[in-house]
Amino acid sequence: MNSFAEISRCLKKSTRAVICGHEMPDGDSVGSVLAMGFLLSELGIDNYVLTPDRIPAVYDFLPRPGDIRTAENLPENCDLAVIVDCTDLNRLGKNISRYINDIPVVVNIDHHVSNLKFGHYNYVDPGASAAGQIVFELIKYMGVPLDLNMAVNLYTAIVMDTGSFRFDNTSARTHEVAAELVNIGLDIAGINKNLFEKKEYVHLKLLGYALDQLQTAVDGQIAWISLSLGIMRKLGAADEHAEGIINYPRMLDGVEIGILFREIAPGKVKVGLRSNKYSDVNKLAATFGGGGHPRAAGCMVEGSLKDVESRVIDLCAKALQTDVST
């Protein structure tokens, strides 16, 4: 892994950069990418935030730097790409991943244990609670003053990836970072209201449907919810409206592995995996070409919704038997 000193020198050499997070962006991806944009602006580097998918409406309150582009409007003549919170270039989508391959220098900043170290410079710390925590540490290392715009984005990144400091990736350092961000003058109540208490009608309709689909197996050790493409279309729901639903199966008392199956196209299912105590869902996701963290991971699986359900649940059941026997 490269050091902050090496990453810092690399950033400062750039004159024109693009910053990108993964497709179907979550709070950590959005907050980290936007904060990185403010950092590069402070360094006097022209920069563009590049989004494979649009930023979900729940994050519309976040301050944004400079020019935000999509795969249909790629910036030209960039000498640096900073990829944040992304395990591999495939998670950028085909158009953007090809575009990134043509940029001379790629910096990879992430906290997933499954990261493929695809950058020319790689800073991957699985011990960090969120990519936002790494961006915070980088800003501090570089001696750039943390301003309110950076702080709002970084706090959002950390809050969302730690489940409001509930998940076991939350460390003492996580709380120290959060405290420093709060002391900059954050409106904590306002941020949390935007993140957790302002929901679109379709979001609540989808959640109600999802909870009614909850199923269990292996004596209640596995719980899952499945969302078909048909129901998403019927309700008018987008990717962002399903965010957070994955946490509900894991909440059920006695569950070790919680799963969300979401059909995103005919024959293509996004699978989210969460565990409570001992199951390494990163290894389970890796079986299907995915990855993440030991307690939170995901993958994309080809097949019908019912077929994918059967294959993944069977794999989880076998893993639980192995975990118990060892």
Protein backbone atom coordinates (compact mmCIF):
# COMPACT_ATOMS: atom_id res chain seq x y z
CA MET A 1 0.00 0.00 0.00
CA ASN A 2 1.19 3.50 -0.78
CA SER A 3 1.61 6.07 1.99
CA PHE A 4 -0.24 9.34 2.45
CA ALA A 5 3.04 11.05 1.56
CA GLU A 6 3.08 9.32 -1.84
CA ILE A 7 -0.63 9.97 -2.42
CA SER A 8 -0.18 13.62 -1.47
CA ARG A 9 2.74 14.13 -3.87
CA CYS A 10 0.76 12.47 -6.64
CA LEU A 11 -2.28 14.71 -6.13
CA LYS A 12 -0.20 17.88 -6.06
CA LYS A 13 1.38 17.06 -9.45
CA SER A 14 -2.01 17.09 -11.16
CA THR A 15 -3.49 20.03 -13.03
CA ARG A 16 -6.80 18.50 -14.12
CA ALA A 17 -8.45 15.59 -12.31
CA VAL A 18 -11.57 13.46 -12.37
CA ILE A 19 -13.02 11.94 -9.19
CA CYS A 20 -15.33 8.97 -9.26
CA GLY A 21 -17.12 6.54 -6.94
CA HIS A 22 -18.95 3.31 -7.67
CA GLU A 23 -22.21 2.85 -9.58
CA MET A 24 -25.45 2.86 -7.56
CA PRO A 25 -23.74 5.23 -5.11
CA ASP A 26 -24.38 5.07 -1.37
CA GLY A 27 -23.72 7.72 1.24
CA ASP A 28 -20.07 6.87 1.74
CA SER A 29 -19.37 6.97 -1.98
CA VAL A 30 -21.20 10.27 -2.50
CA GLY A 31 -19.82 12.04 0.57
CA SER A 32 -16.24 10.88 0.01
CA VAL A 33 -16.18 11.84 -3.67
CA LEU A 34 -17.64 15.29 -3.02
CA ALA A 35 -15.22 15.93 -0.14
CA MET A 36 -12.32 14.90 -2.37
CA GLY A 37 -13.52 17.44 -4.92
CA PHE A 38 -13.35 20.21 -2.33
CA LEU A 39 -9.84 19.05 -1.34
CA LEU A 40 -8.54 19.19 -4.91
CA SER A 41 -10.14 22.61 -5.38
CA GLU A 42 -8.30 23.86 -2.30
CA LEU A 43 -5.08 22.56 -3.87
CA GLY A 44 -5.79 24.61 -6.99
CA ILE A 45 -6.49 21.55 -9.14
CA ASP A 46 -9.29 21.71 -11.71
CA ASN A 47 -11.52 18.75 -10.98
CA TYR A 48 -14.69 17.06 -12.10
CA VAL A 49 -16.89 14.67 -10.14
CA LEU A 50 -17.89 11.80 -12.41
CA THR A 51 -20.97 9.74 -11.53
CA PRO A 52 -21.78 6.38 -13.17
CA ASP A 53 -25.34 6.79 -11.84
CA ARG A 54 -27.04 9.96 -10.68
CA ILE A 55 -26.58 10.99 -7.07
CA PRO A 56 -29.66 9.82 -5.11
CA ALA A 57 -32.10 12.57 -4.14
CA VAL A 58 -31.57 11.91 -0.41
CA TYR A 59 -28.11 13.49 -0.81
CA ASP A 60 -29.29 16.61 -2.63
CA PHE A 61 -28.60 18.67 0.51
CA LEU A 62 -24.87 17.97 0.34
CA PRO A 63 -22.62 20.82 -0.84
CA ARG A 64 -21.02 20.03 -4.19
CA PRO A 65 -17.78 21.27 -5.74
CA GLY A 66 -17.26 22.31 -9.34
CA ASP A 67 -18.56 20.44 -12.32
CA ILE A 68 -20.40 17.11 -11.98
CA ARG A 69 -20.36 14.94 -15.10
CA THR A 70 -21.91 11.66 -16.26
CA ALA A 71 -20.69 8.96 -18.66
CA GLU A 72 -22.36 10.95 -21.46
CA ASN A 73 -20.28 14.06 -20.74
CA LEU A 74 -16.75 12.95 -19.91
CA PRO A 75 -14.14 15.67 -19.26
CA GLU A 76 -11.17 15.80 -21.61
CA ASN A 77 -7.42 16.08 -20.97
CA CYS A 78 -7.44 14.87 -17.35
CA ASP A 79 -4.03 13.79 -16.04
CA LEU A 80 -5.34 12.18 -12.85
CA ALA A 81 -8.23 9.97 -11.78
CA VAL A 82 -9.07 9.54 -8.09
CA ILE A 83 -11.35 6.54 -7.52
CA VAL A 84 -12.92 6.43 -4.06
CA ASP A 85 -14.84 3.65 -2.25
CA CYS A 86 -14.67 1.31 -5.24
CA THR A 87 -13.31 -2.25 -5.15
CA ASP A 88 -12.55 -2.53 -8.85
CA LEU A 89 -12.90 -0.54 -12.07
CA ASN A 90 -15.80 -2.71 -13.25
CA ARG A 91 -17.95 -1.03 -10.59
CA LEU A 92 -17.65 2.22 -12.55
CA GLY A 93 -19.59 0.85 -15.51
CA LYS A 94 -18.15 0.05 -18.94
CA ASN A 95 -17.96 3.57 -20.36
CA ILE A 96 -16.27 5.13 -17.35
CA SER A 97 -13.92 2.20 -16.69
CA ARG A 98 -12.65 2.43 -20.30
CA TYR A 99 -12.28 6.18 -19.89
CA ILE A 100 -10.29 5.77 -16.64
CA ASN A 101 -7.96 3.27 -18.32
CA ASP A 102 -6.79 6.04 -20.65
CA ILE A 103 -5.88 8.46 -17.84
CA PRO A 104 -2.13 8.48 -17.06
CA VAL A 105 -2.35 8.27 -13.25
CA VAL A 106 -5.02 6.53 -11.18
CA VAL A 107 -5.23 6.86 -7.39
CA ASN A 108 -7.33 4.24 -5.62
CA ILE A 109 -8.64 5.13 -2.12
CA ASP A 110 -10.82 2.53 -0.42
CA HIS A 111 -11.60 0.58 2.75
CA HIS A 112 -12.94 -2.71 1.34
CA VAL A 113 -10.90 -5.81 2.08
CA SER A 114 -11.84 -7.11 -1.38
CA ASN A 115 -10.25 -4.15 -3.22
CA LEU A 116 -8.23 -5.27 -6.26
CA LYS A 117 -5.51 -2.56 -5.93
CA PHE A 118 -6.14 -1.42 -9.49
CA GLY A 119 -4.54 2.02 -9.17
CA HIS A 120 -1.07 3.24 -9.95
CA TYR A 121 -1.25 4.44 -6.34
CA ASN A 122 -3.34 2.49 -3.82
CA TYR A 123 -4.37 3.45 -0.32
CA VAL A 124 -6.66 0.68 0.93
CA ASP A 125 -7.33 0.47 4.68
CA PRO A 126 -9.92 -2.19 5.65
CA GLY A 127 -9.64 -0.94 9.23
CA ALA A 128 -11.22 2.40 8.33
CA SER A 129 -14.92 2.65 9.05
CA ALA A 130 -15.62 4.37 5.73
CA ALA A 131 -13.84 5.78 2.72
CA GLY A 132 -14.85 9.13 4.18
CA GLN A 133 -12.65 8.47 7.19
CA ILE A 134 -9.65 7.91 4.91
CA VAL A 135 -10.36 11.12 2.98
CA PHE A 136 -10.55 12.95 6.34
CA GLU A 137 -7.15 11.57 7.37
CA LEU A 138 -5.66 12.53 3.99
CA ILE A 139 -6.96 16.11 4.28
CA LYS A 140 -5.45 16.37 7.76
CA TYR A 141 -2.14 14.91 6.59
CA MET A 142 -1.92 17.41 3.76
CA GLY A 143 -2.48 20.30 6.13
CA VAL A 144 -5.53 21.58 4.24
CA PRO A 145 -8.03 23.29 6.56
CA LEU A 146 -11.25 21.31 6.98
CA ASP A 147 -14.08 23.59 5.96
CA LEU A 148 -17.83 23.18 6.47
CA ASN A 149 -18.40 21.83 2.96
CA MET A 150 -15.87 19.06 3.47
CA ALA A 151 -17.18 18.31 6.97
CA VAL A 152 -20.82 17.88 5.92
CA ASN A 153 -19.83 15.42 3.21
CA LEU A 154 -17.40 13.46 5.36
CA TYR A 155 -19.76 13.22 8.31
CA THR A 156 -22.49 11.94 5.98
CA ALA A 157 -20.10 9.35 4.52
CA ILE A 158 -19.14 8.04 7.94
CA VAL A 159 -22.67 8.08 9.39
CA MET A 160 -24.07 6.11 6.46
CA ASP A 161 -21.34 3.45 6.32
CA THR A 162 -21.36 2.84 10.07
CA GLY A 163 -25.15 2.69 10.31
CA SER A 164 -25.16 5.78 12.53
CA PHE A 165 -22.20 4.35 14.47
CA ARG A 166 -24.04 1.06 15.15
CA PHE A 167 -22.02 -1.36 13.00
CA ASP A 168 -18.90 -3.13 14.22
CA ASN A 169 -16.71 -1.17 11.80
CA THR A 170 -17.14 1.74 14.22
CA SER A 171 -13.95 2.30 16.20
CA ALA A 172 -12.71 4.78 18.77
CA ARG A 173 -10.99 6.62 15.92
CA THR A 174 -14.31 6.83 14.07
CA HIS A 175 -15.82 8.73 16.99
CA GLU A 176 -12.76 10.97 17.25
CA VAL A 177 -13.07 11.88 13.57
CA ALA A 178 -16.81 12.49 13.94
CA ALA A 179 -16.20 14.73 16.96
CA GLU A 180 -13.68 16.83 15.04
CA LEU A 181 -16.13 17.20 12.16
CA VAL A 182 -18.94 18.20 14.55
CA ASN A 183 -16.71 20.83 16.14
CA ILE A 184 -16.36 22.56 12.78
CA GLY A 185 -19.98 23.62 13.22
CA LEU A 186 -22.15 20.95 11.66
CA ASP A 187 -25.92 21.07 11.97
CA ILE A 188 -26.17 17.47 13.18
CA ALA A 189 -29.94 17.55 13.58
CA GLY A 190 -30.35 18.94 10.09
CA ILE A 191 -28.04 16.38 8.50
CA ASN A 192 -29.75 13.47 10.23
CA LYS A 193 -33.19 14.78 9.33
CA ASN A 194 -32.19 14.89 5.68
CA LEU A 195 -30.69 11.40 5.81
CA PHE A 196 -33.23 9.53 7.91
CA GLU A 197 -36.43 11.49 8.39
CA LYS A 198 -37.24 12.80 4.90
CA LYS A 199 -38.59 10.00 2.73
CA GLU A 200 -40.41 10.05 -0.55
CA TYR A 201 -43.81 8.36 -0.66
CA VAL A 202 -42.48 5.65 -2.97
CA HIS A 203 -39.70 4.83 -0.50
CA LEU A 204 -42.19 4.04 2.26
CA LYS A 205 -44.44 2.09 -0.12
CA LEU A 206 -41.46 -0.02 -1.18
CA LEU A 207 -40.38 -0.57 2.41
CA GLY A 208 -43.89 -1.68 3.35
CA TYR A 209 -43.95 -4.15 0.47
CA ALA A 210 -40.45 -5.38 1.29
CA LEU A 211 -41.19 -6.10 4.95
CA ASP A 212 -44.24 -8.11 3.90
CA GLN A 213 -41.95 -10.33 1.80
CA LEU A 214 -39.58 -11.22 4.68
CA GLN A 215 -38.74 -14.93 4.73
CA THR A 216 -36.48 -17.09 6.88
CA ALA A 217 -34.57 -20.37 6.62
CA VAL A 218 -32.24 -22.59 8.65
CA ASP A 219 -34.25 -22.20 11.87
CA GLY A 220 -34.35 -18.44 11.51
CA GLN A 221 -30.61 -17.97 11.06
CA ILE A 222 -31.07 -16.65 7.52
CA ALA A 223 -33.61 -13.97 6.62
CA TRP A 224 -34.16 -12.36 3.25
CA ILE A 225 -36.27 -10.00 1.20
CA SER A 226 -36.70 -10.17 -2.57
CA LEU A 227 -37.70 -7.27 -4.81
CA SER A 228 -38.58 -8.08 -8.40
CA LEU A 229 -38.05 -5.74 -11.31
CA GLY A 230 -41.81 -5.82 -11.79
CA ILE A 231 -42.61 -4.47 -8.31
CA MET A 232 -39.93 -1.79 -8.62
CA ARG A 233 -41.51 -0.62 -11.86
CA LYS A 234 -45.05 -0.90 -10.50
CA LEU A 235 -44.21 1.34 -7.54
CA GLY A 236 -42.06 3.69 -9.62
CA ALA A 237 -39.09 2.94 -7.36
CA ALA A 238 -35.47 3.67 -8.29
CA ASP A 239 -32.24 2.18 -6.93
CA GLU A 240 -32.04 4.82 -4.21
CA HIS A 241 -35.44 3.87 -2.77
CA ALA A 242 -34.12 0.42 -1.88
CA GLU A 243 -31.20 1.80 0.13
CA GLY A 244 -31.37 0.68 3.76
CA ILE A 245 -33.83 -2.17 3.21
CA ILE A 246 -30.94 -4.65 3.47
CA ASN A 247 -30.66 -3.87 7.19
CA TYR A 248 -34.13 -5.13 8.10
CA PRO A 249 -33.57 -8.89 7.59
CA ARG A 250 -30.52 -8.68 9.84
CA MET A 251 -32.58 -7.02 12.60
CA LEU A 252 -34.70 -10.11 13.14
CA ASP A 253 -33.81 -11.77 16.44
CA GLY A 254 -31.78 -14.94 15.89
CA VAL A 255 -30.65 -14.05 12.37
CA GLU A 256 -26.98 -14.40 11.49
CA ILE A 257 -27.18 -13.61 7.75
CA GLY A 258 -29.56 -11.08 6.25
CA ILE A 259 -29.98 -10.83 2.48
CA LEU A 260 -31.63 -8.48 0.01
CA PHE A 261 -32.25 -9.78 -3.50
CA ARG A 262 -33.09 -7.08 -6.01
CA GLU A 263 -33.70 -7.81 -9.66
CA ILE A 264 -32.23 -4.85 -11.56
CA ALA A 265 -32.70 -6.24 -15.09
CA PRO A 266 -34.11 -9.44 -16.60
CA GLY A 267 -31.74 -12.22 -15.57
CA LYS A 268 -29.61 -9.96 -13.35
CA VAL A 269 -29.94 -9.79 -9.56
CA LYS A 270 -28.10 -7.55 -7.12
CA VAL A 271 -27.49 -9.39 -3.85
CA GLY A 272 -26.72 -7.60 -0.58
CA LEU A 273 -25.36 -9.66 2.31
CA ARG A 274 -25.09 -8.70 5.98
CA SER A 275 -24.06 -10.76 9.01
CA ASN A 276 -24.33 -10.19 12.73
CA LYS A 277 -21.59 -12.04 14.60
CA TYR A 278 -19.33 -14.51 12.84
CA SER A 279 -20.22 -15.23 9.20
CA ASP A 280 -17.79 -13.72 6.68
CA VAL A 281 -20.16 -12.53 3.96
CA ASN A 282 -17.25 -11.06 1.98
CA LYS A 283 -16.17 -14.64 1.25
CA LEU A 284 -19.73 -15.58 0.30
CA ALA A 285 -20.01 -12.62 -2.08
CA ALA A 286 -16.61 -13.48 -3.59
CA THR A 287 -18.03 -16.84 -4.68
CA PHE A 288 -20.20 -14.89 -7.11
CA GLY A 289 -17.52 -12.38 -8.10
CA GLY A 290 -18.44 -9.75 -5.52
CA GLY A 291 -16.94 -8.59 -2.25
CA GLY A 292 -16.95 -5.97 0.48
CA HIS A 293 -16.41 -6.43 4.20
CA PRO A 294 -16.68 -9.46 6.51
CA ARG A 295 -20.03 -8.19 7.85
CA ALA A 296 -21.32 -6.36 4.76
CA ALA A 297 -20.81 -7.37 1.15
CA GLY A 298 -22.58 -7.71 -2.15
CA CYS A 299 -22.47 -9.22 -5.61
CA MET A 300 -24.27 -9.29 -8.94
CA VAL A 301 -25.60 -12.70 -9.95
CA GLU A 302 -27.04 -13.74 -13.29
CA GLY A 303 -30.20 -15.83 -13.36
CA SER A 304 -33.86 -15.56 -12.49
CA LEU A 305 -34.78 -14.09 -9.13
CA LYS A 306 -35.94 -17.47 -7.78
CA ASP A 307 -32.84 -19.25 -9.09
CA VAL A 308 -30.48 -16.70 -7.54
CA GLU A 309 -32.39 -16.86 -4.23
CA SER A 310 -31.99 -20.63 -4.15
CA ARG A 311 -28.28 -20.61 -4.99
CA VAL A 312 -27.33 -17.87 -2.53
CA ILE A 313 -29.42 -19.19 0.36
CA ASP A 314 -28.01 -22.69 -0.19
CA LEU A 315 -24.47 -21.27 -0.07
CA CYS A 316 -25.28 -19.32 3.12
CA ALA A 317 -26.79 -22.41 4.76
CA LYS A 318 -23.67 -24.45 4.00
CA ALA A 319 -21.47 -21.64 5.33
CA LEU A 320 -23.42 -21.55 8.59
CA GLN A 321 -22.93 -25.29 9.02
CA THR A 322 -19.20 -24.86 8.49
CA ASP A 323 -19.07 -21.93 10.92
CA VAL A 324 -20.84 -23.94 13.61
CA SER A 325 -18.62 -27.01 13.11
CA THR A 326 -15.45 -24.94 13.40
